[in-house]
Amino acid sequence: MTGIVLKEHKFEMVYARLSRRLRGLNMANFSDYVDLLQGPGRDTEISFLIDALTTNLTRFFREDYQLKHLLREVQQRQQHGGPDKSIRIWSAGCSSGQEPYSIGMALSAGLKERARACRILATDIDRNVLNKAKMACIPSKKLRTYRQISNQNIYEMPMMANTKSLVIYPI
């Protein structure tokens, strides 16, 4: 279904997350929940199950070395293909969007006007966080972290104006 593999040491996490879902559905036990997952409303409930089991870890510039490498690769490809050569990047498991926006900010800062030829497809298995990412709802706590990393004022960076136009969401 999703390819998510949860080993035995994740039992407590799975139990806690699914227990919350069972309480929300007013179910007394996991057998009833399994019946629901196998019944006629299964498609809808499987989406809730996936959302409950996924972990949404994200932050701006999470893997700085990867962004630097990506920027070098994109610059080289654009040099060989001309300034209008389009670049497509897929940010899988993007959670609430800090990774694709970080990619967009790195490209905007490093490529300047040539960044407009780039597009970043941002996807996640959790529809709720993907909707938040699409709306660019970034909590102020995350923005403070971003300010500390960048050593620049958030409003001086090409955050939303230039970057948001590079990111595409499939929903």
N, C-alpha and C. Protein backbone atom coordinates (compact mmCIF):
# COMPACT_ATOMS: atom_id res chain seq x y z
N MET A 1 0.83 -1.19 0.00
CA MET A 1 0.00 0.00 0.00
C MET A 1 0.88 1.26 0.00
N THR A 2 1.75 1.43 1.01
CA THR A 2 2.58 2.63 1.08
C THR A 2 4.06 2.32 1.06
N GLY A 3 4.43 1.12 1.43
CA GLY A 3 5.84 0.77 1.55
C GLY A 3 6.42 1.12 2.91
N ILE A 4 5.62 1.63 3.82
CA ILE A 4 6.09 1.96 5.16
C ILE A 4 6.32 0.66 5.92
N VAL A 5 7.51 0.51 6.49
CA VAL A 5 7.86 -0.67 7.28
C VAL A 5 8.08 -0.22 8.71
N LEU A 6 7.33 -0.78 9.63
CA LEU A 6 7.46 -0.44 11.04
C LEU A 6 7.91 -1.68 11.80
N LYS A 7 9.09 -1.63 12.34
CA LYS A 7 9.66 -2.77 13.08
C LYS A 7 9.05 -2.84 14.48
N GLU A 8 9.36 -3.94 15.18
CA GLU A 8 8.80 -4.18 16.50
C GLU A 8 9.08 -3.06 17.50
N HIS A 9 10.22 -2.43 17.40
CA HIS A 9 10.56 -1.38 18.36
C HIS A 9 9.66 -0.14 18.20
N LYS A 10 8.86 -0.09 17.16
CA LYS A 10 7.92 1.02 16.94
C LYS A 10 6.53 0.71 17.50
N PHE A 11 6.39 -0.42 18.19
CA PHE A 11 5.08 -0.84 18.69
C PHE A 11 4.40 0.24 19.53
N GLU A 12 5.13 0.82 20.48
CA GLU A 12 4.53 1.83 21.37
C GLU A 12 4.05 3.05 20.59
N MET A 13 4.84 3.48 19.61
CA MET A 13 4.45 4.63 18.79
C MET A 13 3.17 4.31 18.02
N VAL A 14 3.13 3.15 17.37
CA VAL A 14 1.95 2.76 16.60
C VAL A 14 0.74 2.63 17.51
N TYR A 15 0.92 2.00 18.67
CA TYR A 15 -0.17 1.82 19.61
C TYR A 15 -0.73 3.18 20.06
N ALA A 16 0.15 4.10 20.41
CA ALA A 16 -0.30 5.42 20.88
C ALA A 16 -1.04 6.17 19.79
N ARG A 17 -0.50 6.17 18.59
CA ARG A 17 -1.15 6.92 17.50
C ARG A 17 -2.48 6.32 17.09
N LEU A 18 -2.54 4.99 17.02
CA LEU A 18 -3.80 4.36 16.64
C LEU A 18 -4.83 4.41 17.77
N SER A 19 -4.36 4.41 19.02
CA SER A 19 -5.29 4.54 20.14
C SER A 19 -6.03 5.87 20.07
N ARG A 20 -5.31 6.94 19.71
CA ARG A 20 -5.97 8.24 19.53
C ARG A 20 -7.05 8.16 18.46
N ARG A 21 -6.74 7.46 17.38
CA ARG A 21 -7.73 7.33 16.29
C ARG A 21 -8.94 6.53 16.76
N LEU A 22 -8.70 5.45 17.49
CA LEU A 22 -9.81 4.65 18.00
C LEU A 22 -10.70 5.46 18.94
N ARG A 23 -10.08 6.26 19.80
CA ARG A 23 -10.88 7.13 20.70
C ARG A 23 -11.71 8.11 19.88
N GLY A 24 -11.11 8.66 18.83
CA GLY A 24 -11.84 9.61 17.97
C GLY A 24 -13.03 8.97 17.27
N LEU A 25 -12.93 7.68 17.02
CA LEU A 25 -14.02 6.94 16.37
C LEU A 25 -14.95 6.27 17.39
N ASN A 26 -14.68 6.47 18.68
CA ASN A 26 -15.45 5.82 19.75
C ASN A 26 -15.44 4.31 19.63
N MET A 27 -14.28 3.76 19.30
CA MET A 27 -14.13 2.30 19.20
C MET A 27 -13.45 1.78 20.46
N ALA A 28 -13.90 0.61 20.89
CA ALA A 28 -13.40 0.03 22.14
C ALA A 28 -12.12 -0.79 21.95
N ASN A 29 -11.91 -1.34 20.74
CA ASN A 29 -10.74 -2.22 20.57
C ASN A 29 -10.23 -2.20 19.13
N PHE A 30 -9.05 -2.75 18.98
CA PHE A 30 -8.40 -2.76 17.67
C PHE A 30 -9.08 -3.71 16.68
N SER A 31 -9.75 -4.72 17.17
CA SER A 31 -10.48 -5.64 16.28
C SER A 31 -11.55 -4.88 15.49
N ASP A 32 -12.25 -3.98 16.17
CA ASP A 32 -13.26 -3.16 15.49
C ASP A 32 -12.60 -2.28 14.43
N TYR A 33 -11.42 -1.78 14.75
CA TYR A 33 -10.72 -0.92 13.79
C TYR A 33 -10.27 -1.72 12.57
N VAL A 34 -9.79 -2.93 12.78
CA VAL A 34 -9.41 -3.79 11.65
C VAL A 34 -10.63 -4.06 10.78
N ASP A 35 -11.78 -4.30 11.41
CA ASP A 35 -13.02 -4.52 10.64
C ASP A 35 -13.33 -3.29 9.78
N LEU A 36 -13.16 -2.10 10.35
CA LEU A 36 -13.40 -0.87 9.59
C LEU A 36 -12.45 -0.78 8.40
N LEU A 37 -11.17 -1.12 8.62
CA LEU A 37 -10.18 -1.06 7.54
C LEU A 37 -10.46 -2.06 6.43
N GLN A 38 -11.19 -3.11 6.75
CA GLN A 38 -11.52 -4.12 5.74
C GLN A 38 -12.93 -3.95 5.17
N GLY A 39 -13.68 -3.00 5.71
CA GLY A 39 -15.07 -2.81 5.30
C GLY A 39 -15.25 -1.82 4.16
N PRO A 40 -16.49 -1.42 3.90
CA PRO A 40 -16.81 -0.55 2.77
C PRO A 40 -16.21 0.86 2.86
N GLY A 41 -15.95 1.37 4.05
CA GLY A 41 -15.37 2.71 4.19
C GLY A 41 -13.85 2.69 4.24
N ARG A 42 -13.27 1.61 3.79
CA ARG A 42 -11.83 1.40 3.95
C ARG A 42 -10.97 2.47 3.30
N ASP A 43 -11.30 2.92 2.11
CA ASP A 43 -10.45 3.88 1.41
C ASP A 43 -10.28 5.17 2.20
N THR A 44 -11.35 5.67 2.75
CA THR A 44 -11.28 6.89 3.55
C THR A 44 -10.47 6.65 4.81
N GLU A 45 -10.73 5.54 5.49
CA GLU A 45 -10.05 5.28 6.76
C GLU A 45 -8.57 4.98 6.55
N ILE A 46 -8.21 4.36 5.45
CA ILE A 46 -6.79 4.08 5.20
C ILE A 46 -6.02 5.38 5.10
N SER A 47 -6.62 6.42 4.55
CA SER A 47 -5.96 7.73 4.51
C SER A 47 -5.69 8.24 5.92
N PHE A 48 -6.67 8.08 6.82
CA PHE A 48 -6.47 8.48 8.22
C PHE A 48 -5.39 7.63 8.89
N LEU A 49 -5.37 6.35 8.57
CA LEU A 49 -4.36 5.44 9.13
C LEU A 49 -2.96 5.89 8.71
N ILE A 50 -2.79 6.17 7.44
CA ILE A 50 -1.48 6.61 6.93
C ILE A 50 -1.07 7.92 7.59
N ASP A 51 -2.00 8.86 7.68
CA ASP A 51 -1.69 10.14 8.33
C ASP A 51 -1.27 9.93 9.78
N ALA A 52 -1.91 8.98 10.47
CA ALA A 52 -1.59 8.73 11.87
C ALA A 52 -0.21 8.10 12.03
N LEU A 53 0.22 7.29 11.08
CA LEU A 53 1.47 6.55 11.22
C LEU A 53 2.70 7.27 10.67
N THR A 54 2.49 8.29 9.87
CA THR A 54 3.65 8.98 9.30
C THR A 54 4.18 10.03 10.27
N THR A 55 5.47 10.23 10.23
CA THR A 55 6.14 11.23 11.06
C THR A 55 6.54 12.38 10.16
N ASN A 56 6.18 13.59 10.55
CA ASN A 56 6.41 14.76 9.71
C ASN A 56 7.54 15.61 10.26
N LEU A 57 8.77 15.17 10.02
CA LEU A 57 9.94 15.91 10.47
C LEU A 57 10.41 16.80 9.32
N THR A 58 10.55 18.08 9.58
CA THR A 58 10.98 19.00 8.54
C THR A 58 11.59 20.23 9.18
N ARG A 59 12.50 20.86 8.48
CA ARG A 59 13.02 22.16 8.89
C ARG A 59 13.77 22.76 7.71
N PHE A 60 13.93 24.07 7.77
CA PHE A 60 14.64 24.75 6.70
C PHE A 60 16.11 24.33 6.69
N PHE A 61 16.64 24.14 5.49
CA PHE A 61 18.05 23.82 5.28
C PHE A 61 18.49 22.64 6.15
N ARG A 62 17.66 21.62 6.17
CA ARG A 62 17.88 20.45 7.03
C ARG A 62 19.19 19.74 6.69
N GLU A 63 19.47 19.57 5.45
CA GLU A 63 20.72 18.93 5.01
C GLU A 63 21.45 19.91 4.11
N ASP A 64 22.18 20.82 4.73
CA ASP A 64 22.86 21.90 4.02
C ASP A 64 23.80 21.39 2.92
N TYR A 65 24.54 20.32 3.21
CA TYR A 65 25.48 19.80 2.23
C TYR A 65 24.77 19.30 0.96
N GLN A 66 23.55 18.77 1.13
CA GLN A 66 22.79 18.32 -0.03
C GLN A 66 22.36 19.50 -0.90
N LEU A 67 21.96 20.58 -0.27
CA LEU A 67 21.55 21.78 -1.01
C LEU A 67 22.73 22.36 -1.79
N LYS A 68 23.90 22.40 -1.16
CA LYS A 68 25.09 22.92 -1.85
C LYS A 68 25.44 22.05 -3.05
N HIS A 69 25.36 20.74 -2.87
CA HIS A 69 25.63 19.82 -3.98
C HIS A 69 24.60 19.99 -5.10
N LEU A 70 23.34 20.07 -4.73
CA LEU A 70 22.28 20.27 -5.72
C LEU A 70 22.50 21.55 -6.52
N LEU A 71 22.84 22.62 -5.83
CA LEU A 71 23.06 23.90 -6.50
C LEU A 71 24.22 23.80 -7.50
N ARG A 72 25.29 23.14 -7.11
CA ARG A 72 26.43 22.95 -8.05
C ARG A 72 26.00 22.16 -9.29
N GLU A 73 25.23 21.08 -9.06
CA GLU A 73 24.76 20.25 -10.17
C GLU A 73 23.86 21.05 -11.12
N VAL A 74 22.93 21.81 -10.56
CA VAL A 74 22.01 22.60 -11.38
C VAL A 74 22.76 23.67 -12.16
N GLN A 75 23.72 24.32 -11.52
CA GLN A 75 24.52 25.34 -12.21
C GLN A 75 25.28 24.73 -13.38
N GLN A 76 25.86 23.54 -13.19
CA GLN A 76 26.59 22.88 -14.27
C GLN A 76 25.66 22.50 -15.42
N ARG A 77 24.50 21.96 -15.10
CA ARG A 77 23.55 21.56 -16.15
C ARG A 77 23.05 22.77 -16.93
N GLN A 78 22.81 23.86 -16.22
CA GLN A 78 22.35 25.06 -16.93
C GLN A 78 23.45 25.63 -17.81
N GLN A 79 24.69 25.53 -17.39
CA GLN A 79 25.80 26.01 -18.22
C GLN A 79 25.89 25.21 -19.51
N HIS A 80 25.70 23.89 -19.42
CA HIS A 80 25.81 23.04 -20.61
C HIS A 80 24.57 23.12 -21.50
N GLY A 81 23.44 23.48 -20.93
CA GLY A 81 22.21 23.50 -21.70
C GLY A 81 21.72 24.90 -22.01
N GLY A 82 22.45 25.91 -21.61
CA GLY A 82 22.02 27.29 -21.83
C GLY A 82 21.23 27.81 -20.66
N PRO A 83 21.04 29.10 -20.57
CA PRO A 83 20.39 29.72 -19.41
C PRO A 83 18.92 29.36 -19.27
N ASP A 84 18.27 28.95 -20.34
CA ASP A 84 16.84 28.64 -20.26
C ASP A 84 16.57 27.15 -20.08
N LYS A 85 17.63 26.35 -19.91
CA LYS A 85 17.46 24.91 -19.70
C LYS A 85 16.61 24.68 -18.45
N SER A 86 15.51 23.94 -18.59
CA SER A 86 14.62 23.72 -17.45
C SER A 86 15.17 22.62 -16.55
N ILE A 87 14.94 22.79 -15.26
CA ILE A 87 15.38 21.84 -14.25
C ILE A 87 14.15 21.42 -13.46
N ARG A 88 13.96 20.11 -13.29
CA ARG A 88 12.83 19.59 -12.52
C ARG A 88 13.39 18.80 -11.34
N ILE A 89 12.87 19.10 -10.15
CA ILE A 89 13.31 18.46 -8.92
C ILE A 89 12.09 17.91 -8.20
N TRP A 90 12.21 16.71 -7.66
CA TRP A 90 11.12 16.11 -6.90
C TRP A 90 11.53 16.06 -5.44
N SER A 91 10.76 16.71 -4.58
CA SER A 91 10.96 16.67 -3.14
C SER A 91 9.90 15.73 -2.57
N ALA A 92 10.27 14.45 -2.44
CA ALA A 92 9.34 13.43 -1.93
C ALA A 92 9.38 13.46 -0.41
N GLY A 93 8.25 13.27 0.21
CA GLY A 93 8.19 13.30 1.67
C GLY A 93 8.49 14.67 2.22
N CYS A 94 7.89 15.70 1.59
CA CYS A 94 8.24 17.09 1.91
C CYS A 94 7.59 17.62 3.18
N SER A 95 6.70 16.85 3.79
CA SER A 95 6.01 17.26 5.01
C SER A 95 5.37 18.63 4.81
N SER A 96 5.60 19.58 5.71
CA SER A 96 4.91 20.86 5.61
C SER A 96 5.65 21.90 4.78
N GLY A 97 6.64 21.46 4.01
CA GLY A 97 7.19 22.30 2.96
C GLY A 97 8.54 22.95 3.16
N GLN A 98 9.16 22.81 4.32
CA GLN A 98 10.42 23.51 4.51
C GLN A 98 11.51 23.02 3.56
N GLU A 99 11.54 21.72 3.23
CA GLU A 99 12.56 21.22 2.31
C GLU A 99 12.40 21.79 0.90
N PRO A 100 11.22 21.68 0.27
CA PRO A 100 11.13 22.25 -1.07
C PRO A 100 11.34 23.77 -1.10
N TYR A 101 10.88 24.46 -0.05
CA TYR A 101 11.12 25.90 0.00
C TYR A 101 12.61 26.19 0.21
N SER A 102 13.30 25.35 0.97
CA SER A 102 14.75 25.51 1.12
C SER A 102 15.46 25.32 -0.22
N ILE A 103 15.02 24.31 -0.97
CA ILE A 103 15.59 24.09 -2.31
C ILE A 103 15.34 25.32 -3.17
N GLY A 104 14.12 25.82 -3.13
CA GLY A 104 13.78 27.00 -3.92
C GLY A 104 14.59 28.22 -3.53
N MET A 105 14.79 28.42 -2.22
CA MET A 105 15.59 29.56 -1.76
C MET A 105 17.04 29.42 -2.19
N ALA A 106 17.58 28.20 -2.09
CA ALA A 106 18.96 27.97 -2.52
C ALA A 106 19.11 28.24 -4.01
N LEU A 107 18.16 27.76 -4.80
CA LEU A 107 18.22 27.99 -6.25
C LEU A 107 18.06 29.47 -6.58
N SER A 108 17.12 30.13 -5.90
CA SER A 108 16.91 31.56 -6.15
C SER A 108 18.15 32.37 -5.80
N ALA A 109 18.77 32.04 -4.68
CA ALA A 109 19.97 32.78 -4.26
C ALA A 109 21.16 32.48 -5.17
N GLY A 110 21.30 31.22 -5.59
CA GLY A 110 22.47 30.83 -6.38
C GLY A 110 22.34 31.07 -7.87
N LEU A 111 21.14 31.00 -8.39
CA LEU A 111 20.94 31.11 -9.84
C LEU A 111 20.35 32.44 -10.27
N LYS A 112 19.89 33.22 -9.32
CA LYS A 112 19.25 34.52 -9.59
C LYS A 112 18.10 34.34 -10.57
N GLU A 113 18.11 35.06 -11.68
CA GLU A 113 17.01 35.02 -12.65
C GLU A 113 16.85 33.64 -13.30
N ARG A 114 17.95 32.89 -13.41
CA ARG A 114 17.87 31.57 -14.05
C ARG A 114 17.06 30.58 -13.23
N ALA A 115 16.80 30.89 -11.96
CA ALA A 115 16.01 29.99 -11.11
C ALA A 115 14.58 29.86 -11.64
N ARG A 116 14.13 30.81 -12.42
CA ARG A 116 12.75 30.75 -12.94
C ARG A 116 12.56 29.56 -13.86
N ALA A 117 13.64 28.96 -14.38
CA ALA A 117 13.53 27.78 -15.24
C ALA A 117 13.43 26.50 -14.43
N CYS A 118 13.44 26.60 -13.11
CA CYS A 118 13.38 25.43 -12.22
C CYS A 118 11.96 25.23 -11.70
N ARG A 119 11.60 23.98 -11.49
CA ARG A 119 10.34 23.64 -10.85
C ARG A 119 10.61 22.52 -9.86
N ILE A 120 9.96 22.60 -8.70
CA ILE A 120 10.14 21.62 -7.64
C ILE A 120 8.78 20.99 -7.38
N LEU A 121 8.66 19.69 -7.63
CA LEU A 121 7.44 18.96 -7.33
C LEU A 121 7.53 18.50 -5.88
N ALA A 122 6.61 18.95 -5.05
CA ALA A 122 6.62 18.64 -3.62
C ALA A 122 5.48 17.68 -3.30
N THR A 123 5.82 16.50 -2.81
CA THR A 123 4.81 15.49 -2.50
C THR A 123 5.01 14.95 -1.09
N ASP A 124 3.93 14.41 -0.54
CA ASP A 124 3.98 13.74 0.75
C ASP A 124 2.80 12.79 0.84
N ILE A 125 2.97 11.72 1.56
CA ILE A 125 1.91 10.74 1.72
C ILE A 125 0.81 11.26 2.64
N ASP A 126 1.14 12.21 3.50
CA ASP A 126 0.19 12.80 4.46
C ASP A 126 -0.46 14.03 3.83
N ARG A 127 -1.74 13.90 3.49
CA ARG A 127 -2.46 14.98 2.80
C ARG A 127 -2.59 16.23 3.65
N ASN A 128 -2.71 16.06 4.96
CA ASN A 128 -2.89 17.22 5.84
C ASN A 128 -1.67 18.14 5.82
N VAL A 129 -0.49 17.57 5.97
CA VAL A 129 0.70 18.42 5.96
C VAL A 129 0.97 18.97 4.57
N LEU A 130 0.61 18.21 3.54
CA LEU A 130 0.81 18.70 2.18
C LEU A 130 -0.07 19.92 1.90
N ASN A 131 -1.28 19.92 2.43
CA ASN A 131 -2.14 21.10 2.29
C ASN A 131 -1.54 22.30 3.00
N LYS A 132 -0.96 22.09 4.18
CA LYS A 132 -0.29 23.18 4.90
C LYS A 132 0.90 23.69 4.10
N ALA A 133 1.65 22.77 3.51
CA ALA A 133 2.80 23.17 2.70
C ALA A 133 2.37 24.01 1.50
N LYS A 134 1.32 23.59 0.86
CA LYS A 134 0.82 24.31 -0.32
C LYS A 134 0.42 25.74 0.04
N MET A 135 -0.15 25.92 1.22
CA MET A 135 -0.57 27.25 1.65
C MET A 135 0.60 28.06 2.21
N ALA A 136 1.76 27.42 2.32
CA ALA A 136 2.96 28.06 2.89
C ALA A 136 2.68 28.56 4.30
N CYS A 137 1.98 27.74 5.08
CA CYS A 137 1.71 28.06 6.48
C CYS A 137 2.89 27.60 7.31
N ILE A 138 3.84 28.48 7.51
CA ILE A 138 5.05 28.11 8.23
C ILE A 138 4.97 28.74 9.62
N PRO A 139 4.98 27.90 10.66
CA PRO A 139 4.88 28.44 12.02
C PRO A 139 6.01 29.40 12.35
N SER A 140 5.71 30.41 13.15
CA SER A 140 6.72 31.42 13.48
C SER A 140 7.94 30.79 14.15
N LYS A 141 7.75 29.71 14.88
CA LYS A 141 8.88 29.00 15.50
C LYS A 141 9.86 28.52 14.42
N LYS A 142 9.34 28.03 13.31
CA LYS A 142 10.19 27.57 12.21
C LYS A 142 10.90 28.75 11.56
N LEU A 143 10.23 29.89 11.46
CA LEU A 143 10.85 31.07 10.87
C LEU A 143 11.99 31.58 11.73
N ARG A 144 11.83 31.52 13.04
CA ARG A 144 12.93 31.92 13.92
C ARG A 144 14.14 31.03 13.69
N THR A 145 13.91 29.73 13.55
CA THR A 145 15.01 28.80 13.27
C THR A 145 15.67 29.18 11.95
N TYR A 146 14.86 29.51 10.96
CA TYR A 146 15.40 29.89 9.65
C TYR A 146 16.26 31.14 9.76
N ARG A 147 15.82 32.12 10.51
CA ARG A 147 16.61 33.35 10.68
C ARG A 147 17.98 33.04 11.27
N GLN A 148 18.01 32.15 12.26
CA GLN A 148 19.28 31.81 12.89
C GLN A 148 20.23 31.12 11.91
N ILE A 149 19.72 30.27 11.07
CA ILE A 149 20.56 29.53 10.12
C ILE A 149 21.09 30.45 9.03
N SER A 150 20.24 31.32 8.52
CA SER A 150 20.62 32.12 7.36
C SER A 150 21.47 33.33 7.71
N ASN A 151 21.43 33.78 8.98
CA ASN A 151 22.13 35.00 9.39
C ASN A 151 21.65 36.22 8.60
N GLN A 152 20.46 36.13 8.06
CA GLN A 152 19.87 37.26 7.34
C GLN A 152 18.45 37.46 7.85
N ASN A 153 17.96 38.64 7.65
CA ASN A 153 16.58 38.91 8.01
C ASN A 153 15.68 38.13 7.06
N ILE A 154 14.66 37.45 7.60
CA ILE A 154 13.78 36.63 6.78
C ILE A 154 13.18 37.42 5.62
N TYR A 155 12.91 38.70 5.84
CA TYR A 155 12.26 39.49 4.80
C TYR A 155 13.21 39.91 3.70
N GLU A 156 14.51 39.72 3.91
CA GLU A 156 15.48 40.03 2.87
C GLU A 156 15.73 38.85 1.95
N MET A 157 15.28 37.68 2.36
CA MET A 157 15.49 36.48 1.55
C MET A 157 14.37 36.33 0.52
N PRO A 158 14.63 35.61 -0.55
CA PRO A 158 13.61 35.41 -1.59
C PRO A 158 12.60 34.35 -1.19
N MET A 159 12.17 34.37 0.07
CA MET A 159 11.35 33.31 0.64
C MET A 159 10.09 33.00 -0.15
N MET A 160 9.09 33.81 -0.05
CA MET A 160 7.83 33.47 -0.66
C MET A 160 7.66 34.05 -2.06
N ALA A 161 8.10 35.26 -2.27
CA ALA A 161 7.86 35.89 -3.56
C ALA A 161 8.47 35.09 -4.70
N ASN A 162 9.75 34.80 -4.62
CA ASN A 162 10.41 34.06 -5.69
C ASN A 162 10.30 32.56 -5.53
N THR A 163 10.36 32.11 -4.31
CA THR A 163 10.45 30.68 -4.05
C THR A 163 9.13 29.96 -4.22
N LYS A 164 8.05 30.51 -3.73
CA LYS A 164 6.77 29.82 -3.79
C LYS A 164 6.35 29.52 -5.23
N SER A 165 6.72 30.37 -6.16
CA SER A 165 6.36 30.13 -7.56
C SER A 165 7.12 28.97 -8.18
N LEU A 166 8.21 28.53 -7.56
CA LEU A 166 8.97 27.40 -8.09
C LEU A 166 8.40 26.05 -7.66
N VAL A 167 7.62 26.05 -6.57
CA VAL A 167 7.15 24.80 -5.97
C VAL A 167 5.76 24.46 -6.47
N ILE A 168 5.58 23.21 -6.89
CA ILE A 168 4.32 22.71 -7.42
C ILE A 168 3.82 21.59 -6.50
N TYR A 169 2.55 21.65 -6.13
CA TYR A 169 1.93 20.63 -5.30
C TYR A 169 0.88 19.89 -6.12
N PRO A 170 0.83 18.56 -6.03
CA PRO A 170 -0.12 17.78 -6.84
C PRO A 170 -1.54 17.77 -6.34
N ILE A 171 -1.86 18.57 -5.33
CA ILE A 171 -3.23 18.56 -4.79
C ILE A 171 -3.91 19.88 -5.10
